[in-house]
Amino acid sequence: MSSYTTRKTPGDTEWFVHDRFGMFIHWGLYSMPARHEWVKSREEIPEEKYGQYFKYFNPDLFDPKDWARKAKEAGMKYAVLTTKHHEGFCMFDSKYTDYKCTNTPAGRDIVREYVDAFRAEGLRIGFYYSLIDWHHPDFPIDPIHPRRDDEDAYEQSKGRDMHKYAEYMRNQVEELLTNYGKIDILWFDFSYPDQTMKDQPWMKGKGREDWEADKLIALARKLQPGIIINNRTGIEQDLWTPEQYQPQEWVRHEDTGELVTWEACQTFSGSWGYYRDEMSWKTPDVLIQMLINTVSRGGNLLMNVGPTSRGYIDYRAEKALKVYADWMKVNSRSIYGCTMAEPEFVEPKGCRYTQSEDGKRLYIHLMEYPYAFLEVPGMAGKVDYAQFLHDGSEITFKDKTSDHFSEGRMQSEDLLVFNIPKIKPPILVPVIEVFLK
């Protein structure tokens, strides 16, 4: 069994740390301007202009069953959909607002269809819910609000009641956690209490007190015991969520130093919502290495797709999902049920290890393909058998000596040398599956 112990959390993370790989889905009205999910704030778009997107939102090609199939084929085991992003538009049929998908030409409860389709494919269900709402009349103007630079911003914001907005959020979270069956993950986003406008001291960011986060969390726990909740309300819960960077070691609690349950959330390109003109798409090698790196440091990877406003996953995202599908089809055993290798196993240059939870198998991911031999210090006498994971073909090895040099033979009591095919297999990152004694 793994020797690593993570900080205890309120929710059930056992399945989560086994499954390791999920799909994030950012979808909303911002898919129509198609230039970043923060377009309303970045361009300070007024309500009447942004209202055009609401008026014409019609995802006629939305097929959640196709999304679910693609996620499953890519090896993803769970998904998290934006039920409401910062723009305030609801992708579900909430009785607490008219600003929802069922009141657009779409005329559909997007969340309902997502839940049914992904659940039918055996994927666990997650809901993203933005704490921020640039549409709600009681949400005070702050440093990231689209109306922050209006000359009458102060007058607009006067009288807005954050308590009413916090109650609105609780009402909607109750709907989400009551009307759609068992929900596995609740992904809130996000707190920013330290943000201020220097020339407008009244304009402050928001944190746990503003969200009335204690009441919000208590409600979620009451309605869905065992649900996994992230830390972005400002109250520590189950999940640490580093965004758009790759931790190089297991994430630790900032105060106690304990290992925590963590999930890196990443995009195929640079934005979360559909961005038509963006060209910074990650290469296939980088996509696979991100998954391996994350699991090799004890984490999960949540990779994002941003569907088009017509409701389909565009060709670039489809290609990225296919990269995962091809690799995971033969290498998923090195991801599911795996974690960071035990400290006794030191990664050689150009390699990443994962190890099965029962400790019986070590997976060597060849991020840099070696020529003919792979020398692994500290592993002599510990290996019973080795094979390439993608095809189950034997990898031979020798303990204690490296005799492949013409001179200056390397001798070491703890050295193990794998004999590697000189030609790299047609796999982005080949994996050696090592059966330990």
Protein backbone atom coordinates (compact mmCIF):
# COMPACT_ATOMS: atom_id res chain seq x y z
CA MET A 1 0.00 0.00 0.00
CA SER A 2 1.08 3.57 -0.63
CA SER A 3 2.85 5.18 2.33
CA TYR A 4 1.52 8.65 1.49
CA THR A 5 -1.18 10.08 3.75
CA THR A 6 -3.16 13.15 2.76
CA ARG A 7 -4.87 15.66 5.00
CA LYS A 8 -8.30 14.41 6.05
CA THR A 9 -11.21 16.10 4.29
CA PRO A 10 -15.01 16.17 4.82
CA GLY A 11 -15.92 14.61 1.45
CA ASP A 12 -15.35 11.21 -0.13
CA THR A 13 -12.18 11.49 -2.22
CA GLU A 14 -11.39 7.76 -2.46
CA TRP A 15 -12.89 7.36 -5.93
CA PHE A 16 -11.43 10.70 -7.00
CA VAL A 17 -7.79 9.85 -6.34
CA HIS A 18 -8.28 6.52 -8.10
CA ASP A 19 -9.83 7.94 -11.28
CA ARG A 20 -7.26 10.75 -11.70
CA PHE A 21 -8.54 12.25 -14.99
CA GLY A 22 -11.59 14.41 -15.70
CA MET A 23 -13.13 16.77 -18.24
CA PHE A 24 -13.87 20.43 -17.47
CA ILE A 25 -16.52 22.01 -19.71
CA HIS A 26 -16.77 25.81 -19.92
CA TRP A 27 -19.88 26.74 -21.87
CA GLY A 28 -22.13 29.78 -21.79
CA LEU A 29 -23.16 32.90 -23.70
CA TYR A 30 -19.46 33.83 -24.01
CA SER A 31 -19.14 31.10 -26.65
CA MET A 32 -20.95 33.49 -29.04
CA PRO A 33 -18.47 36.40 -29.05
CA ALA A 34 -15.88 33.57 -29.01
CA ARG A 35 -13.07 35.66 -27.57
CA HIS A 36 -12.56 34.47 -23.99
CA GLU A 37 -15.01 33.64 -21.22
CA TRP A 38 -14.15 36.94 -19.48
CA VAL A 39 -15.14 38.96 -22.53
CA LYS A 40 -17.91 40.81 -20.68
CA SER A 41 -15.43 42.10 -18.10
CA ARG A 42 -12.44 42.55 -20.40
CA GLU A 43 -14.40 44.63 -22.90
CA GLU A 44 -16.71 46.16 -20.26
CA ILE A 45 -19.73 45.19 -22.33
CA PRO A 46 -22.99 46.75 -21.09
CA GLU A 47 -26.05 44.61 -20.35
CA GLU A 48 -28.04 45.73 -23.37
CA LYS A 49 -25.27 44.71 -25.78
CA TYR A 50 -24.49 41.46 -23.96
CA GLY A 51 -28.22 40.78 -24.09
CA GLN A 52 -27.88 40.06 -27.81
CA TYR A 53 -26.11 36.82 -26.93
CA PHE A 54 -29.01 35.82 -24.70
CA LYS A 55 -31.45 36.72 -27.46
CA TYR A 56 -29.75 34.55 -30.07
CA PHE A 57 -28.26 31.66 -28.05
CA ASN A 58 -29.31 28.57 -30.00
CA PRO A 59 -26.99 25.54 -29.70
CA ASP A 60 -28.81 23.49 -32.33
CA LEU A 61 -25.93 21.01 -32.67
CA PHE A 62 -25.61 20.30 -28.95
CA ASP A 63 -25.35 16.54 -28.47
CA PRO A 64 -24.38 15.74 -24.87
CA LYS A 65 -24.19 12.03 -25.68
CA ASP A 66 -21.41 12.80 -28.15
CA TRP A 67 -19.59 14.86 -25.52
CA ALA A 68 -19.88 12.00 -23.03
CA ARG A 69 -18.58 9.45 -25.54
CA LYS A 70 -15.59 11.64 -26.36
CA ALA A 71 -14.80 12.11 -22.67
CA LYS A 72 -15.00 8.39 -22.02
CA GLU A 73 -12.89 7.53 -25.05
CA ALA A 74 -10.25 10.02 -23.85
CA GLY A 75 -10.01 8.07 -20.59
CA MET A 76 -11.75 10.68 -18.48
CA LYS A 77 -13.71 9.29 -15.54
CA TYR A 78 -15.63 12.38 -14.38
CA ALA A 79 -16.73 15.75 -15.71
CA VAL A 80 -17.42 19.24 -14.35
CA LEU A 81 -19.78 21.55 -16.27
CA THR A 82 -20.21 25.29 -15.77
CA THR A 83 -23.80 25.58 -14.55
CA LYS A 84 -23.27 29.35 -14.19
CA HIS A 85 -20.14 31.32 -15.04
CA HIS A 86 -19.23 34.88 -14.04
CA GLU A 87 -21.58 36.32 -16.66
CA GLY A 88 -24.48 35.08 -14.50
CA PHE A 89 -26.22 33.10 -17.26
CA CYS A 90 -27.65 29.82 -15.94
CA MET A 91 -27.36 26.62 -17.97
CA PHE A 92 -30.20 25.07 -15.97
CA ASP A 93 -33.88 25.78 -15.46
CA SER A 94 -33.65 27.77 -12.23
CA LYS A 95 -36.84 29.18 -10.79
CA TYR A 96 -34.89 32.05 -9.21
CA THR A 97 -33.95 33.85 -12.43
CA ASP A 98 -35.16 34.49 -15.95
CA TYR A 99 -31.55 34.66 -17.15
CA LYS A 100 -31.35 30.99 -18.12
CA CYS A 101 -31.00 28.70 -21.11
CA THR A 102 -34.66 27.65 -21.14
CA ASN A 103 -35.62 31.27 -21.92
CA THR A 104 -33.34 31.47 -24.98
CA PRO A 105 -33.98 29.95 -28.42
CA ALA A 106 -32.21 26.86 -27.02
CA GLY A 107 -35.28 26.14 -24.90
CA ARG A 108 -33.46 23.27 -23.17
CA ASP A 109 -32.17 22.49 -19.68
CA ILE A 110 -28.50 22.04 -20.62
CA VAL A 111 -27.54 20.74 -17.19
CA ARG A 112 -30.26 18.10 -17.26
CA GLU A 113 -29.10 16.77 -20.62
CA TYR A 114 -25.44 16.82 -19.56
CA VAL A 115 -26.18 14.88 -16.37
CA ASP A 116 -28.24 12.24 -18.15
CA ALA A 117 -25.73 11.73 -20.96
CA PHE A 118 -22.57 11.58 -18.84
CA ARG A 119 -24.19 9.43 -16.19
CA ALA A 120 -25.29 6.97 -18.90
CA GLU A 121 -21.63 6.58 -19.92
CA GLY A 122 -20.63 5.81 -16.35
CA LEU A 123 -18.89 9.14 -15.69
CA ARG A 124 -19.23 10.88 -12.35
CA ILE A 125 -20.96 14.25 -12.31
CA GLY A 126 -19.53 17.60 -11.26
CA PHE A 127 -21.05 21.07 -11.22
CA TYR A 128 -19.07 24.30 -11.50
CA TYR A 129 -20.88 27.28 -9.98
CA SER A 130 -19.50 30.80 -10.12
CA LEU A 131 -19.66 32.83 -6.92
CA ILE A 132 -19.37 35.88 -9.16
CA ASP A 133 -22.35 37.22 -11.10
CA TRP A 134 -22.03 40.25 -13.37
CA HIS A 135 -25.75 40.14 -14.27
CA HIS A 136 -27.43 39.93 -10.86
CA PRO A 137 -28.82 43.29 -9.66
CA ASP A 138 -27.67 42.71 -6.06
CA PHE A 139 -24.07 41.83 -6.93
CA PRO A 140 -21.99 44.92 -5.95
CA ILE A 141 -19.61 46.42 -8.48
CA ASP A 142 -16.00 45.51 -7.71
CA PRO A 143 -12.53 45.67 -9.36
CA ILE A 144 -13.34 42.98 -11.96
CA HIS A 145 -16.98 43.92 -12.64
CA PRO A 146 -17.77 45.10 -16.22
CA ARG A 147 -19.16 48.41 -14.84
CA ARG A 148 -16.09 49.23 -12.74
CA ASP A 149 -15.00 52.16 -14.94
CA ASP A 150 -18.41 53.76 -15.40
CA GLU A 151 -18.52 57.35 -14.18
CA ASP A 152 -21.58 56.50 -12.11
CA ALA A 153 -20.31 53.12 -10.88
CA TYR A 154 -20.71 54.14 -7.23
CA GLU A 155 -24.31 55.25 -7.80
CA GLN A 156 -25.06 52.01 -9.68
CA SER A 157 -23.65 49.92 -6.87
CA LYS A 158 -25.40 51.76 -4.03
CA GLY A 159 -28.25 49.76 -2.60
CA ARG A 160 -27.05 46.42 -3.92
CA ASP A 161 -27.54 43.85 -1.17
CA MET A 162 -24.89 41.14 -0.93
CA HIS A 163 -26.98 39.22 1.60
CA LYS A 164 -29.77 38.90 -0.96
CA TYR A 165 -27.24 37.70 -3.54
CA ALA A 166 -25.79 35.14 -1.10
CA GLU A 167 -29.31 33.84 -0.51
CA TYR A 168 -29.81 33.64 -4.29
CA MET A 169 -26.70 31.47 -4.56
CA ARG A 170 -27.89 29.13 -1.82
CA ASN A 171 -31.25 28.80 -3.53
CA GLN A 172 -29.60 27.88 -6.80
CA VAL A 173 -27.13 25.47 -5.22
CA GLU A 174 -30.08 23.80 -3.52
CA GLU A 175 -31.71 23.37 -6.92
CA LEU A 176 -28.55 21.91 -8.41
CA LEU A 177 -28.01 19.49 -5.54
CA THR A 178 -31.66 18.45 -5.32
CA ASN A 179 -32.99 18.18 -8.86
CA TYR A 180 -30.30 16.18 -10.65
CA GLY A 181 -29.61 13.12 -8.51
CA LYS A 182 -26.26 12.31 -6.93
CA ILE A 183 -23.63 14.96 -7.62
CA ASP A 184 -20.01 14.01 -6.98
CA ILE A 185 -18.18 17.35 -7.21
CA LEU A 186 -19.16 20.96 -6.47
CA TRP A 187 -16.60 23.32 -7.99
CA PHE A 188 -16.97 26.91 -6.77
CA ASP A 189 -15.10 29.83 -8.38
CA PHE A 190 -13.65 32.12 -6.86
CA SER A 191 -12.65 34.41 -3.95
CA TYR A 192 -10.61 37.60 -4.35
CA PRO A 193 -10.88 39.56 -1.06
CA ASP A 194 -7.58 41.39 -1.48
CA GLN A 195 -8.41 43.10 -4.77
CA THR A 196 -9.17 46.83 -4.49
CA MET A 197 -9.32 49.88 -6.74
CA LYS A 198 -6.81 52.41 -5.42
CA ASP A 199 -8.79 55.40 -6.56
CA GLN A 200 -12.11 53.87 -5.47
CA PRO A 201 -11.69 52.60 -1.88
CA TRP A 202 -15.33 51.51 -1.76
CA MET A 203 -14.72 49.07 -4.58
CA LYS A 204 -13.44 45.90 -2.95
CA GLY A 205 -13.08 42.26 -3.89
CA LYS A 206 -15.07 39.51 -2.24
CA GLY A 207 -14.33 36.55 0.02
CA ARG A 208 -15.88 34.01 2.32
CA GLU A 209 -17.86 36.50 4.39
CA ASP A 210 -19.42 38.01 1.27
CA TRP A 211 -20.44 34.62 -0.09
CA GLU A 212 -21.66 33.59 3.39
CA ALA A 213 -19.59 30.56 2.56
CA ASP A 214 -20.20 28.74 5.83
CA LYS A 215 -23.95 28.59 5.09
CA LEU A 216 -23.31 27.65 1.47
CA ILE A 217 -21.00 24.77 2.39
CA ALA A 218 -23.29 23.54 5.16
CA LEU A 219 -26.21 23.43 2.73
CA ALA A 220 -24.22 21.45 0.18
CA ARG A 221 -23.05 18.95 2.81
CA LYS A 222 -26.60 18.51 4.07
CA LEU A 223 -28.02 17.87 0.60
CA GLN A 224 -25.18 15.73 -0.76
CA PRO A 225 -23.18 14.01 2.00
CA GLY A 226 -19.78 12.92 0.76
CA ILE A 227 -19.68 15.42 -2.11
CA ILE A 228 -16.24 16.80 -3.00
CA ILE A 229 -16.01 20.60 -2.69
CA ASN A 230 -13.03 22.76 -3.66
CA ASN A 231 -11.46 25.52 -1.55
CA ARG A 232 -12.37 28.54 -3.67
CA THR A 233 -15.09 29.90 -1.38
CA GLY A 234 -12.29 30.80 1.02
CA ILE A 235 -13.12 27.91 3.36
CA GLU A 236 -10.89 24.85 3.28
CA GLN A 237 -12.75 21.76 2.14
CA ASP A 238 -11.59 18.76 0.11
CA LEU A 239 -9.78 19.95 -2.95
CA TRP A 240 -6.84 22.24 -3.77
CA THR A 241 -7.03 23.42 -7.38
CA PRO A 242 -3.84 24.85 -8.91
CA GLU A 243 -4.83 26.51 -12.19
CA GLN A 244 -2.87 26.77 -15.43
CA TYR A 245 0.44 25.59 -14.02
CA GLN A 246 2.02 22.22 -13.27
CA PRO A 247 3.14 21.64 -9.66
CA GLN A 248 6.53 19.93 -9.61
CA GLU A 249 5.85 18.24 -6.28
CA TRP A 250 2.86 17.01 -4.30
CA VAL A 251 0.85 20.04 -3.17
CA ARG A 252 1.10 20.64 0.57
CA HIS A 253 -1.05 22.48 3.08
CA GLU A 254 0.27 26.02 3.40
CA ASP A 255 0.19 25.94 7.23
CA THR A 256 0.78 22.35 8.31
CA GLY A 257 2.85 21.05 5.41
CA GLU A 258 0.57 18.02 5.08
CA LEU A 259 0.01 16.45 1.68
CA VAL A 260 -3.41 17.43 0.29
CA THR A 261 -5.84 16.15 -2.31
CA TRP A 262 -5.22 18.26 -5.39
CA GLU A 263 -6.32 18.68 -8.97
CA ALA A 264 -4.58 20.70 -11.67
CA CYS A 265 -7.12 22.41 -13.96
CA GLN A 266 -5.78 23.12 -17.42
CA THR A 267 -6.86 24.20 -20.89
CA PHE A 268 -6.03 22.82 -24.33
CA SER A 269 -5.26 26.39 -25.39
CA GLY A 270 -5.07 29.58 -23.32
CA SER A 271 -8.72 30.28 -22.49
CA TRP A 272 -11.52 28.26 -20.93
CA GLY A 273 -14.42 29.34 -23.11
CA TYR A 274 -14.47 28.85 -26.89
CA TYR A 275 -12.00 31.29 -28.47
CA ARG A 276 -12.26 31.17 -32.25
CA ASP A 277 -9.00 32.99 -33.09
CA GLU A 278 -6.73 31.60 -30.39
CA MET A 279 -3.74 29.68 -31.71
CA SER A 280 -1.82 28.72 -28.55
CA TRP A 281 -2.95 25.09 -28.57
CA LYS A 282 -0.79 22.60 -26.70
CA THR A 283 1.13 19.97 -28.64
CA PRO A 284 0.29 16.25 -28.27
CA ASP A 285 3.50 15.61 -26.33
CA VAL A 286 2.69 18.36 -23.84
CA LEU A 287 -0.86 17.07 -23.34
CA ILE A 288 0.31 13.58 -22.41
CA GLN A 289 3.20 14.83 -20.29
CA MET A 290 0.83 17.05 -18.30
CA LEU A 291 -1.28 14.04 -17.32
CA ILE A 292 1.75 11.94 -16.42
CA ASN A 293 3.44 14.75 -14.48
CA THR A 294 0.30 15.42 -12.47
CA VAL A 295 -0.30 11.80 -11.41
CA SER A 296 3.42 11.31 -10.74
CA ARG A 297 3.10 14.02 -8.10
CA GLY A 298 -0.05 12.62 -6.48
CA GLY A 299 -2.60 14.80 -8.28
CA ASN A 300 -5.57 14.68 -10.66
CA LEU A 301 -5.84 16.43 -14.02
CA LEU A 302 -9.00 18.27 -15.10
CA MET A 303 -8.65 19.16 -18.80
CA ASN A 304 -11.02 21.72 -20.27
CA VAL A 305 -13.05 21.89 -23.46
CA GLY A 306 -14.90 25.03 -24.54
CA PRO A 307 -17.71 24.05 -26.93
CA THR A 308 -18.87 26.39 -29.70
CA SER A 309 -22.10 28.35 -29.38
CA ARG A 310 -23.78 25.82 -31.67
CA GLY A 311 -22.98 23.17 -29.12
CA TYR A 312 -20.26 21.01 -30.63
CA ILE A 313 -16.62 20.46 -29.68
CA ASP A 314 -14.49 22.11 -32.34
CA TYR A 315 -11.88 20.30 -34.44
CA ARG A 316 -8.89 21.44 -32.37
CA ALA A 317 -10.36 20.19 -29.12
CA GLU A 318 -11.40 16.96 -30.86
CA LYS A 319 -7.80 16.42 -31.93
CA ALA A 320 -6.59 16.99 -28.38
CA LEU A 321 -9.14 14.53 -26.98
CA LYS A 322 -8.03 11.99 -29.62
CA VAL A 323 -4.44 12.33 -28.37
CA TYR A 324 -5.59 11.24 -24.91
CA ALA A 325 -7.84 8.51 -26.33
CA ASP A 326 -4.99 6.91 -28.29
CA TRP A 327 -2.54 7.02 -25.40
CA MET A 328 -4.95 6.03 -22.63
CA LYS A 329 -6.29 3.09 -24.64
CA VAL A 330 -3.06 1.20 -23.95
CA ASN A 331 -1.47 3.09 -21.04
CA SER A 332 -4.32 3.91 -18.64
CA ARG A 333 -3.07 1.31 -16.17
CA SER A 334 -0.24 3.70 -15.31
CA ILE A 335 -2.80 6.41 -14.42
CA TYR A 336 -5.87 4.85 -12.78
CA GLY A 337 -5.28 3.77 -9.20
CA CYS A 338 -1.75 5.17 -9.30
CA THR A 339 0.08 7.86 -7.37
CA MET A 340 3.55 9.22 -6.73
CA ALA A 341 6.14 6.47 -6.44
CA GLU A 342 7.54 5.57 -3.04
CA PRO A 343 10.60 7.65 -2.00
CA GLU A 344 12.93 4.67 -2.45
CA PHE A 345 12.43 4.88 -6.21
CA VAL A 346 14.40 7.78 -7.68
CA GLU A 347 13.46 8.84 -11.21
CA PRO A 348 16.27 8.68 -13.79
CA LYS A 349 16.76 11.70 -16.04
CA GLY A 350 13.98 12.03 -18.58
CA CYS A 351 11.59 9.70 -16.75
CA ARG A 352 8.49 10.02 -14.57
CA TYR A 353 7.29 7.32 -12.20
CA THR A 354 3.83 6.38 -11.06
CA GLN A 355 3.13 3.47 -8.76
CA SER A 356 0.01 1.40 -8.15
CA GLU A 357 -1.70 2.00 -4.83
CA ASP A 358 -0.95 -1.58 -3.71
CA GLY A 359 2.72 -0.92 -4.40
CA LYS A 360 3.17 -3.97 -6.64
CA ARG A 361 3.75 -2.21 -9.95
CA LEU A 362 5.96 0.70 -10.89
CA TYR A 363 5.41 2.57 -14.14
CA ILE A 364 8.37 4.23 -15.85
CA HIS A 365 7.21 6.88 -18.33
CA LEU A 366 9.91 7.54 -20.90
CA MET A 367 9.45 11.28 -21.43
CA GLU A 368 12.86 11.34 -23.15
CA TYR A 369 13.36 8.10 -25.04
CA PRO A 370 16.76 6.57 -24.17
CA TYR A 371 19.05 4.90 -26.67
CA ALA A 372 19.36 1.14 -26.13
CA PHE A 373 19.67 1.17 -22.32
CA LEU A 374 17.99 2.75 -19.30
CA GLU A 375 20.09 2.78 -16.14
CA VAL A 376 18.10 2.91 -12.92
CA PRO A 377 20.04 3.26 -9.66
CA GLY A 378 18.53 1.76 -6.50
CA MET A 379 16.40 -0.86 -8.24
CA ALA A 380 18.72 -3.89 -8.34
CA GLY A 381 17.10 -7.00 -6.87
CA LYS A 382 13.63 -5.40 -6.74
CA VAL A 383 12.26 -6.29 -10.17
CA ASP A 384 10.58 -9.57 -11.02
CA TYR A 385 9.47 -8.79 -14.58
CA ALA A 386 9.17 -5.80 -16.94
CA GLN A 387 7.28 -5.08 -20.14
CA PHE A 388 6.17 -2.27 -22.37
CA LEU A 389 2.69 -1.40 -21.23
CA HIS A 390 1.29 -0.57 -24.68
CA ASP A 391 1.80 -4.07 -26.12
CA GLY A 392 2.87 -6.28 -23.21
CA SER A 393 6.24 -7.08 -24.81
CA GLU A 394 9.06 -8.09 -22.48
CA ILE A 395 11.79 -5.66 -21.50
CA THR A 396 14.88 -7.55 -20.37
CA PHE A 397 17.16 -6.23 -17.64
CA LYS A 398 20.32 -6.95 -15.72
CA ASP A 399 21.19 -6.22 -12.09
CA LYS A 400 24.34 -4.74 -10.59
CA THR A 401 26.35 -4.03 -13.72
CA SER A 402 26.21 -1.93 -16.82
CA ASP A 403 28.43 -3.72 -19.37
CA HIS A 404 27.36 -1.93 -22.52
CA PHE A 405 30.28 0.50 -22.52
CA SER A 406 33.35 -0.23 -24.60
CA GLU A 407 35.50 0.76 -21.67
CA GLY A 408 35.11 1.94 -18.12
CA ARG A 409 32.34 -0.54 -17.20
CA MET A 410 30.01 0.89 -14.57
CA GLN A 411 29.68 -1.32 -11.50
CA SER A 412 27.07 -0.72 -8.82
CA GLU A 413 25.45 -3.00 -6.29
CA ASP A 414 22.10 -1.25 -6.64
CA LEU A 415 22.06 -0.53 -10.40
CA LEU A 416 19.51 -2.07 -12.75
CA VAL A 417 19.80 -1.68 -16.51
CA PHE A 418 16.82 -2.14 -18.84
CA ASN A 419 17.52 -3.12 -22.44
CA ILE A 420 15.45 -0.70 -24.53
CA PRO A 421 14.59 -1.14 -28.23
CA LYS A 422 16.72 1.22 -30.28
CA ILE A 423 13.71 2.35 -32.26
CA LYS A 424 11.06 4.16 -30.24
CA PRO A 425 7.63 2.52 -30.39
CA PRO A 426 4.88 4.57 -32.09
CA ILE A 427 3.64 5.90 -28.74
CA LEU A 428 4.02 9.54 -27.65
CA VAL A 429 5.34 8.52 -24.24
CA PRO A 430 6.13 4.80 -23.94
CA VAL A 431 5.67 3.23 -20.51
CA ILE A 432 7.58 0.37 -18.91
CA GLU A 433 5.44 -1.63 -16.50
CA VAL A 434 7.65 -3.03 -13.75
CA PHE A 435 6.39 -5.91 -11.58
CA LEU A 436 8.16 -5.58 -8.24
CA LYS A 437 9.26 -8.51 -6.11
